[in-house]
Every structure is written in C-alpha cells, then in structure tokens.
C-alpha cells in the first residue's frame, strides 16, 4: 500500500525555487483604482505643502535648524558606525544592483521581463522628477548653510528633496508593488516603509540633509509608486516589442523558438486497493474415494436397543441397580395412565 509523503518546509522552499514553465496567470497588474487616486492626490498635496512651508521660511525651517544645532551624530556617537553602513540602503547604485538581480531572476523564472521593465520605469521617473526638483530649488545642505535661520533656497545646491530617502522608497517599494500575493504585498510594504524611514533618519543623524528634505523625499518616492499603474500600458507594449524582436532575431539566425513546457500536474496519490487473498483450494483428484454423508455414522446403523450401554466410568449418572433395563417386560406392564 502506498502512503502519501508529507512535504517538509525545506521541500516547499525548493519547490518555489523551481522554474515556472510559463508566465503565471494569477499575478494581476495593479490598476489605477479610486483608492489609489485618492492616495496620490493626498500625497501630492503633502508634497506641495512641504515645498511651500520651506519657501516661506515657516516653522518647518526653524525646526530644521534646531535639529541641525542638536547634532545627533555627537549626541549618539556610539551608533555612528552602524548608521554609516545602514545609509547605503538608500544609495542608488548598490540598491539598484541588488533589486535588479532579484527581479532578473524572477523574470527568468516567470518567462516575463515585466519586473525589470517596471524597475527601469520607476528609476527613470525617480531621476527625472527628483533630479528636476533638486536643480530647480537649489537648496544647500546643513554643512554648507550660509545664514542661520534661512531656507537656503536658490543657492545652487542639490539637497531638496532627499535623494537617499526617495530612492529607498522606490527601490524597496517596487518589491511590494510586484508581489504576487496580497499577503506578500502587505509584508513587503511594511518592510520597505521601515527601511526608507530608517534611511531618511540616518541622513538627518549624519547631518547631510535637513528634516524637511527627508519629508519631501518620502512624498516624492511615494508619488512614483502610486503613479506606476499609469505606466503599465507602456510597459506591456515595451515587453511585447522586445519579445517580438527577440523572436525575429532567432528566426534570422535559424534558432528554433523554445517549445512551451507542459505544466506539471501534481495529483494526490491514491492508496492502492487491497486485494483479498483467495482461499486455498484442495487439488481435485479423480481417484478420490467417496465420502459417507456427514449425518451418518461411519459404521453400520444399529437400533437403540442393540447399542452397548454407556459404561459407569464414562457416565455421570448414578447407578440404579433396582431399575430394570429398558425394553423388558416390566416396562411394558407399566400402565399408560396415571394411577
């Protein structure tokens, strides 16, 4: 009898690492829903409010100077070494390489280049929007400030908004955007939010950014993630064009197109039916002697009066010597009715 093998956690992990035979159909492309439009509008309003608060030198600029004079890197000097390493999670080069390697493996595994194209589109939007804002506002950083209490705008700097923070939001948030299940999307969204929050506060700790720079960087990165569904039709057309170009290049070189791999169907093994053993039969012999019927005695049949009485040694009844034996004249003279 076959028994079903229980899969361990390690078996499930290796099963997920296997290459999928075709592009999964259950992975949905995010759309620009009403909820996402509301979030995009609210984030854009927050972005503009931060810019306006810095331009008019409001309380937010005063808070920037107070944090700068506090000098967190001197107050908590023991964690300086850790922050120096942690802030790398917001640098564009190392993070883009790490995330591109992961998404490249996913593209090969799922037979689609949408993850890499989505990452490229998000980084392109990040460079255009954040770069244009940096050059347009020209704010100087804390280490290069000239006048105490001023907003340091229009002086040729490139610090507002924070590129580290915006890059952390986009680079790590793209993993949540491309997640295949709602549960994975929730966990990755929380992880990317915590990571980008830590990167932004690390720049404030090191004194390379104002606090308002970090707030504007969070808003800038979130706007890019919320606007990505508008780019999905262009990403789909680009993917189709690239795959068609690949097929034409293969046909010119005489390379046959890869045959579709059949999807393996895993069926639950059923236990084999238990066969009952047939009772063993005695071999039939033609020269078998005929048996006597079971209800007949093996010897010649005798009358009850002719049988040998049971010996006292084998009988449990007490002996009655005064009783005449059965079948005698005394028994025959016994009256038929009671006296």
Protein backbone atom coordinates (compact mmCIF):
# COMPACT_ATOMS: atom_id res chain seq x y z
CA UNK A 1 0.00 0.00 0.00
CA UNK A 2 1.40 3.41 -1.00
CA UNK A 3 1.40 6.22 1.53
CA UNK A 4 1.41 9.98 0.79
CA UNK A 5 4.74 11.70 1.52
CA UNK A 6 4.47 14.69 3.82
CA UNK A 7 6.33 17.71 2.41
CA UNK A 8 8.67 19.46 4.80
CA UNK A 9 9.29 23.21 4.90
CA UNK A 10 12.55 22.75 3.00
CA UNK A 11 10.73 20.83 0.26
CA UNK A 12 8.26 23.70 -0.15
CA UNK A 13 11.09 26.20 -0.41
CA UNK A 14 12.84 24.22 -3.16
CA UNK A 15 9.52 23.73 -4.94
CA UNK A 16 9.08 27.51 -5.09
CA UNK A 17 12.62 27.91 -6.39
CA UNK A 18 11.85 25.69 -9.38
CA UNK A 19 11.41 27.49 -12.65
CA UNK A 20 7.81 28.01 -13.60
CA UNK A 21 7.02 26.65 -17.10
CA UNK A 22 5.13 29.73 -18.23
CA UNK A 23 4.10 33.17 -17.08
CA UNK A 24 1.81 32.82 -14.06
CA UNK A 25 -1.75 33.81 -14.81
CA UNK A 26 -2.68 34.61 -11.20
CA UNK A 27 -0.35 37.63 -10.95
CA UNK A 28 -2.51 40.67 -11.50
CA UNK A 29 -1.26 44.02 -12.81
CA UNK A 30 -2.12 46.89 -10.42
CA UNK A 31 -4.63 49.35 -11.83
CA UNK A 32 -5.25 52.99 -11.04
CA UNK A 33 -8.21 52.49 -8.73
CA UNK A 34 -10.16 55.20 -6.97
CA UNK A 35 -8.40 54.45 -3.69
CA UNK A 36 -5.01 54.85 -5.36
CA UNK A 37 -6.09 58.13 -6.97
CA UNK A 38 -7.13 59.48 -3.56
CA UNK A 39 -3.77 58.49 -2.07
CA UNK A 40 -1.93 60.04 -4.99
CA UNK A 41 -3.84 63.31 -4.61
CA UNK A 42 -3.25 63.44 -0.84
CA UNK A 43 0.47 62.73 -1.25
CA UNK A 44 0.77 65.40 -3.93
CA UNK A 45 -0.92 67.92 -1.62
CA UNK A 46 1.52 66.97 1.15
CA UNK A 47 4.43 67.40 -1.29
CA UNK A 48 3.32 70.89 -2.27
CA UNK A 49 2.68 71.84 1.36
CA UNK A 50 6.26 70.90 2.34
CA UNK A 51 7.68 72.94 -0.55
CA UNK A 52 5.55 75.94 0.36
CA UNK A 53 6.48 75.72 4.04
CA UNK A 54 10.19 75.81 3.14
CA UNK A 55 9.83 78.59 0.56
CA UNK A 56 8.11 80.96 3.02
CA UNK A 57 10.61 80.03 5.81
CA UNK A 58 7.92 78.78 8.19
CA UNK A 59 8.19 76.84 11.44
CA UNK A 60 9.47 73.85 9.47
CA UNK A 61 12.66 75.71 8.56
CA UNK A 62 13.15 76.69 12.21
CA UNK A 63 12.77 73.01 13.14
CA UNK A 64 15.42 72.13 10.56
CA UNK A 65 17.89 74.49 12.22
CA UNK A 66 17.09 73.22 15.72
CA UNK A 67 17.77 69.62 14.68
CA UNK A 68 20.99 70.71 12.97
CA UNK A 69 22.25 72.50 16.10
CA UNK A 70 21.35 69.48 18.20
CA UNK A 71 23.94 67.48 16.22
CA UNK A 72 22.60 63.93 16.63
CA UNK A 73 25.88 62.42 15.43
CA UNK A 74 27.53 63.88 18.55
CA UNK A 75 24.71 63.07 20.96
CA UNK A 76 24.67 59.37 20.00
CA UNK A 77 28.18 58.82 18.75
CA UNK A 78 28.11 55.11 19.60
CA UNK A 79 25.85 54.20 16.67
CA UNK A 80 27.74 56.25 14.10
CA UNK A 81 29.41 53.18 12.60
CA UNK A 82 26.08 51.41 12.17
CA UNK A 83 24.41 54.41 10.53
CA UNK A 84 27.30 54.72 8.06
CA UNK A 85 26.52 51.19 6.81
CA UNK A 86 22.75 51.46 7.05
CA UNK A 87 22.54 54.58 4.90
CA UNK A 88 23.91 52.54 1.97
CA UNK A 89 20.39 51.06 1.66
CA UNK A 90 19.39 54.40 0.16
CA UNK A 91 22.20 54.80 -2.34
CA UNK A 92 21.03 54.32 -5.89
CA UNK A 93 23.88 52.20 -7.22
CA UNK A 94 24.08 49.36 -4.65
CA UNK A 95 20.32 49.12 -4.12
CA UNK A 96 19.56 49.10 -7.85
CA UNK A 97 22.04 46.28 -8.41
CA UNK A 98 20.59 44.15 -5.58
CA UNK A 99 16.97 44.66 -6.58
CA UNK A 100 17.73 44.20 -10.30
CA UNK A 101 19.44 40.87 -9.58
CA UNK A 102 16.37 39.63 -7.69
CA UNK A 103 13.92 40.87 -10.33
CA UNK A 104 16.09 39.44 -13.09
CA UNK A 105 15.84 36.01 -11.52
CA UNK A 106 12.08 36.45 -11.25
CA UNK A 107 11.91 37.44 -14.93
CA UNK A 108 13.79 34.30 -15.96
CA UNK A 109 11.67 32.13 -13.69
CA UNK A 110 8.33 33.52 -14.86
CA UNK A 111 9.20 33.96 -18.56
CA UNK A 112 8.44 37.69 -18.48
CA UNK A 113 10.53 40.84 -18.41
CA UNK A 114 7.84 42.95 -16.75
CA UNK A 115 9.65 43.10 -13.36
CA UNK A 116 12.81 44.54 -14.93
CA UNK A 117 10.85 46.95 -17.11
CA UNK A 118 8.87 48.16 -14.09
CA UNK A 119 12.08 48.74 -12.14
CA UNK A 120 13.54 50.65 -15.09
CA UNK A 121 10.43 52.81 -15.44
CA UNK A 122 10.39 53.64 -11.72
CA UNK A 123 14.09 54.59 -11.68
CA UNK A 124 13.59 56.72 -14.79
CA UNK A 125 10.71 58.58 -13.15
CA UNK A 126 12.80 58.95 -9.98
CA UNK A 127 15.73 60.51 -11.82
CA UNK A 128 13.52 62.89 -13.80
CA UNK A 129 11.24 64.13 -11.03
CA UNK A 130 13.64 64.22 -8.09
CA UNK A 131 16.54 65.48 -10.20
CA UNK A 132 14.43 68.28 -11.66
CA UNK A 133 13.22 69.29 -8.18
CA UNK A 134 16.76 69.32 -6.79
CA UNK A 135 18.11 71.51 -9.57
CA UNK A 136 15.03 73.74 -9.64
CA UNK A 137 15.03 74.63 -5.94
CA UNK A 138 18.81 74.63 -5.44
CA UNK A 139 18.83 74.31 -1.66
CA UNK A 140 22.06 73.95 0.28
CA UNK A 141 22.59 71.26 2.89
CA UNK A 142 23.28 71.73 6.61
CA UNK A 143 27.04 71.50 6.21
CA UNK A 144 27.04 74.28 3.59
CA UNK A 145 24.47 76.64 5.13
CA UNK A 146 25.36 80.33 4.99
CA UNK A 147 22.75 82.27 7.01
CA UNK A 148 21.29 80.95 10.24
CA UNK A 149 17.52 80.67 10.05
CA UNK A 150 17.28 80.98 6.27
CA UNK A 151 15.79 78.37 3.97
CA UNK A 152 18.97 78.25 1.82
CA UNK A 153 16.90 78.07 -1.37
CA UNK A 154 18.16 79.05 -4.81
CA UNK A 155 21.85 78.90 -3.89
CA UNK A 156 22.90 76.18 -6.32
CA UNK A 157 22.55 73.18 -4.01
CA UNK A 158 21.03 69.81 -4.82
CA UNK A 159 19.78 68.60 -1.43
CA UNK A 160 16.00 69.19 -1.56
CA UNK A 161 14.30 66.65 -1.71
CA UNK A 162 16.43 63.88 -0.22
CA UNK A 163 17.55 61.52 -2.97
CA UNK A 164 18.52 58.79 -0.48
CA UNK A 165 15.04 58.74 1.01
CA UNK A 166 13.20 58.84 -2.32
CA UNK A 167 15.44 56.12 -3.74
CA UNK A 168 14.84 53.87 -0.70
CA UNK A 169 11.07 54.32 -1.02
CA UNK A 170 11.07 53.47 -4.74
CA UNK A 171 13.71 50.72 -4.83
CA UNK A 172 12.41 48.70 -1.92
CA UNK A 173 8.78 49.60 -2.55
CA UNK A 174 8.95 48.14 -6.07
CA UNK A 175 9.26 44.70 -4.49
CA UNK A 176 5.91 45.22 -2.77
CA UNK A 177 4.41 46.60 -5.98
CA UNK A 178 5.41 43.46 -7.91
CA UNK A 179 4.41 40.99 -5.18
CA UNK A 180 2.28 38.09 -6.42
CA UNK A 181 0.02 37.70 -3.35
CA UNK A 182 -1.78 40.24 -1.13
CA UNK A 183 -0.09 38.87 1.96
CA UNK A 184 3.39 39.28 0.47
CA UNK A 185 2.43 42.78 -0.70
CA UNK A 186 1.44 43.80 2.84
CA UNK A 187 4.62 42.45 4.42
CA UNK A 188 6.89 43.96 1.78
CA UNK A 189 5.10 47.30 2.02
CA UNK A 190 5.70 47.40 5.77
CA UNK A 191 9.35 46.37 5.34
CA UNK A 192 10.02 48.98 2.65
CA UNK A 193 8.33 51.70 4.74
CA UNK A 194 10.51 50.89 7.77
CA UNK A 195 13.65 50.72 5.62
CA UNK A 196 13.02 54.06 3.93
CA UNK A 197 12.13 55.64 7.27
CA UNK A 198 15.42 54.44 8.73
CA UNK A 199 17.40 55.70 5.73
CA UNK A 200 15.81 59.15 5.96
CA UNK A 201 16.52 59.47 9.67
CA UNK A 202 20.08 58.26 9.06
CA UNK A 203 20.73 61.21 6.75
CA UNK A 204 19.40 63.59 9.40
CA UNK A 205 21.60 61.91 12.01
CA UNK A 206 24.69 62.32 9.82
CA UNK A 207 23.83 65.96 9.08
CA UNK A 208 23.72 65.55 5.30
CA UNK A 209 20.01 66.52 4.99
CA UNK A 210 17.51 68.78 6.63
CA UNK A 211 14.47 67.17 8.21
CA UNK A 212 12.25 68.81 5.57
CA UNK A 213 14.42 67.21 2.87
CA UNK A 214 13.54 63.78 4.25
CA UNK A 215 9.82 64.56 4.40
CA UNK A 216 9.83 65.72 0.79
CA UNK A 217 11.87 62.67 -0.26
CA UNK A 218 9.28 60.31 1.26
CA UNK A 219 6.49 62.10 -0.60
CA UNK A 220 8.45 62.08 -3.88
CA UNK A 221 9.12 58.34 -3.72
CA UNK A 222 5.54 57.53 -2.78
CA UNK A 223 4.21 59.58 -5.69
CA UNK A 224 6.26 57.48 -8.11
CA UNK A 225 4.97 54.19 -6.67
CA UNK A 226 1.37 55.41 -6.75
CA UNK A 227 1.73 56.61 -10.36
CA UNK A 228 3.20 53.35 -11.71
CA UNK A 229 -0.18 51.87 -12.82
CA UNK A 230 -0.41 54.69 -15.35
CA UNK A 231 2.80 53.35 -16.87
CA UNK A 232 1.58 49.74 -17.13
CA UNK A 233 0.23 50.03 -20.73
CA UNK A 234 3.60 51.38 -21.91
CA UNK A 235 5.41 48.61 -20.01
CA UNK A 236 3.18 45.96 -21.65
CA UNK A 237 3.81 47.38 -25.14
CA UNK A 238 7.54 47.55 -24.49
CA UNK A 239 7.57 43.93 -23.33
CA UNK A 240 5.69 42.77 -26.42
CA UNK A 241 8.04 44.69 -28.71
CA UNK A 242 11.15 43.29 -27.03
CA UNK A 243 9.87 39.71 -27.18
CA UNK A 244 8.89 40.11 -30.86
CA UNK A 245 12.33 41.49 -31.62
CA UNK A 246 13.90 38.51 -29.89
CA UNK A 247 11.78 36.07 -31.91
CA UNK A 248 12.71 37.78 -35.20
CA UNK A 249 16.39 37.71 -34.26
CA UNK A 250 16.16 33.99 -33.52
CA UNK A 251 14.39 33.28 -36.79
CA UNK A 252 17.10 35.09 -38.74
CA UNK A 253 19.81 33.10 -37.02
CA UNK A 254 17.92 29.86 -37.57
CA UNK A 255 17.46 29.19 -33.86
CA UNK A 256 14.17 27.38 -33.23
CA UNK A 257 11.82 29.01 -30.81
CA UNK A 258 11.63 27.31 -27.45
CA UNK A 259 8.74 24.87 -27.24
CA UNK A 260 6.24 25.51 -24.49
CA UNK A 261 6.93 23.42 -21.47
CA UNK A 262 3.87 21.49 -20.31
CA UNK A 263 2.61 22.45 -16.91
CA UNK A 264 3.19 19.60 -14.48
CA UNK A 265 0.01 18.50 -12.80
CA UNK A 266 0.60 17.18 -9.32
CA UNK A 267 -2.04 14.66 -8.36
CA UNK A 268 -2.55 13.33 -4.91
CA UNK A 269 -1.55 9.66 -4.92
CA UNK A 270 -4.37 7.31 -4.08
CA UNK A 271 -3.77 4.24 -1.99
CA UNK A 272 -3.74 1.04 -3.99
CA UNK A 273 -6.76 -1.20 -3.42
CA UNK A 274 -6.11 -4.03 -1.05
CA UNK A 275 -6.69 -7.37 -2.75
CA UNK A 276 -8.07 -10.11 -0.55
CA UNK A 277 -6.28 -13.42 -0.89
CA UNK A 278 -8.47 -16.15 -2.33
CA UNK A 279 -8.93 -19.18 -0.07
CA UNK A 280 -6.72 -22.05 -0.96
CA UNK A 281 -8.50 -24.97 -2.59
CA UNK A 282 -7.56 -28.55 -2.33
CA UNK A 283 -6.49 -30.18 -5.54
CA UNK A 284 -9.24 -32.24 -7.08
CA UNK A 285 -8.28 -35.84 -7.58
CA UNK A 286 -10.19 -38.14 -9.88
CA UNK A 287 -9.37 -41.19 -7.74
CA UNK A 288 -10.84 -39.71 -4.51
CA UNK A 289 -12.84 -42.26 -2.53
CA UNK A 290 -16.49 -41.38 -1.98
CA UNK A 291 -17.21 -39.97 1.48
CA UNK A 292 -20.08 -41.03 3.63
CA UNK A 293 -22.64 -38.37 4.42
CA UNK A 294 -21.80 -36.29 7.46
CA UNK A 295 -25.08 -37.05 9.23
CA UNK A 296 -24.50 -40.82 9.11
CA UNK A 297 -22.29 -42.75 11.44
CA UNK A 298 -19.22 -44.32 9.94
CA UNK A 299 -20.32 -47.88 10.81
CA UNK A 300 -23.48 -49.93 10.20
CA UNK A 301 -26.55 -48.42 11.78
CA UNK A 302 -27.87 -50.31 14.82
CA UNK A 303 -31.08 -49.97 16.76
CA UNK A 304 -31.07 -48.09 20.06
CA UNK A 305 -31.91 -51.29 21.97
CA UNK A 306 -28.95 -53.07 20.44
CA UNK A 307 -26.38 -50.43 21.34
CA UNK A 308 -23.92 -51.06 24.11
CA UNK A 309 -24.93 -49.10 27.22
CA UNK A 310 -22.59 -46.42 28.43
CA UNK A 311 -20.17 -47.73 30.96
CA UNK A 312 -20.32 -46.39 34.50
CA UNK A 313 -16.81 -44.99 34.08
CA UNK A 314 -17.95 -42.70 31.26
CA UNK A 315 -21.41 -41.83 32.60
CA UNK A 316 -22.18 -39.04 35.04
CA UNK A 317 -25.46 -40.55 36.24
CA UNK A 318 -25.55 -42.58 39.44
CA UNK A 319 -26.20 -46.26 39.05
CA UNK A 320 -29.71 -47.64 39.80
CA UNK A 321 -29.46 -51.38 40.25
CA UNK A 322 -33.09 -51.67 41.13
CA UNK A 323 -34.21 -50.16 37.85
CA UNK A 324 -34.86 -52.81 35.24
CA UNK A 325 -33.23 -52.41 31.90
CA UNK A 326 -35.08 -50.79 29.10
CA UNK A 327 -37.10 -52.87 26.65
CA UNK A 328 -38.04 -55.59 29.25
CA UNK A 329 -41.49 -56.92 30.18
CA UNK A 330 -41.59 -54.84 33.36
CA UNK A 331 -41.51 -51.66 31.32
CA UNK A 332 -44.17 -52.97 29.02
CA UNK A 333 -46.53 -53.75 32.00
CA UNK A 334 -46.30 -50.11 33.19
CA UNK A 335 -49.78 -48.50 32.95
CA UNK A 336 -50.22 -45.84 30.28
CA UNK A 337 -52.22 -43.52 32.55
CA UNK A 338 -51.54 -42.31 35.99
CA UNK A 339 -52.97 -44.24 38.99
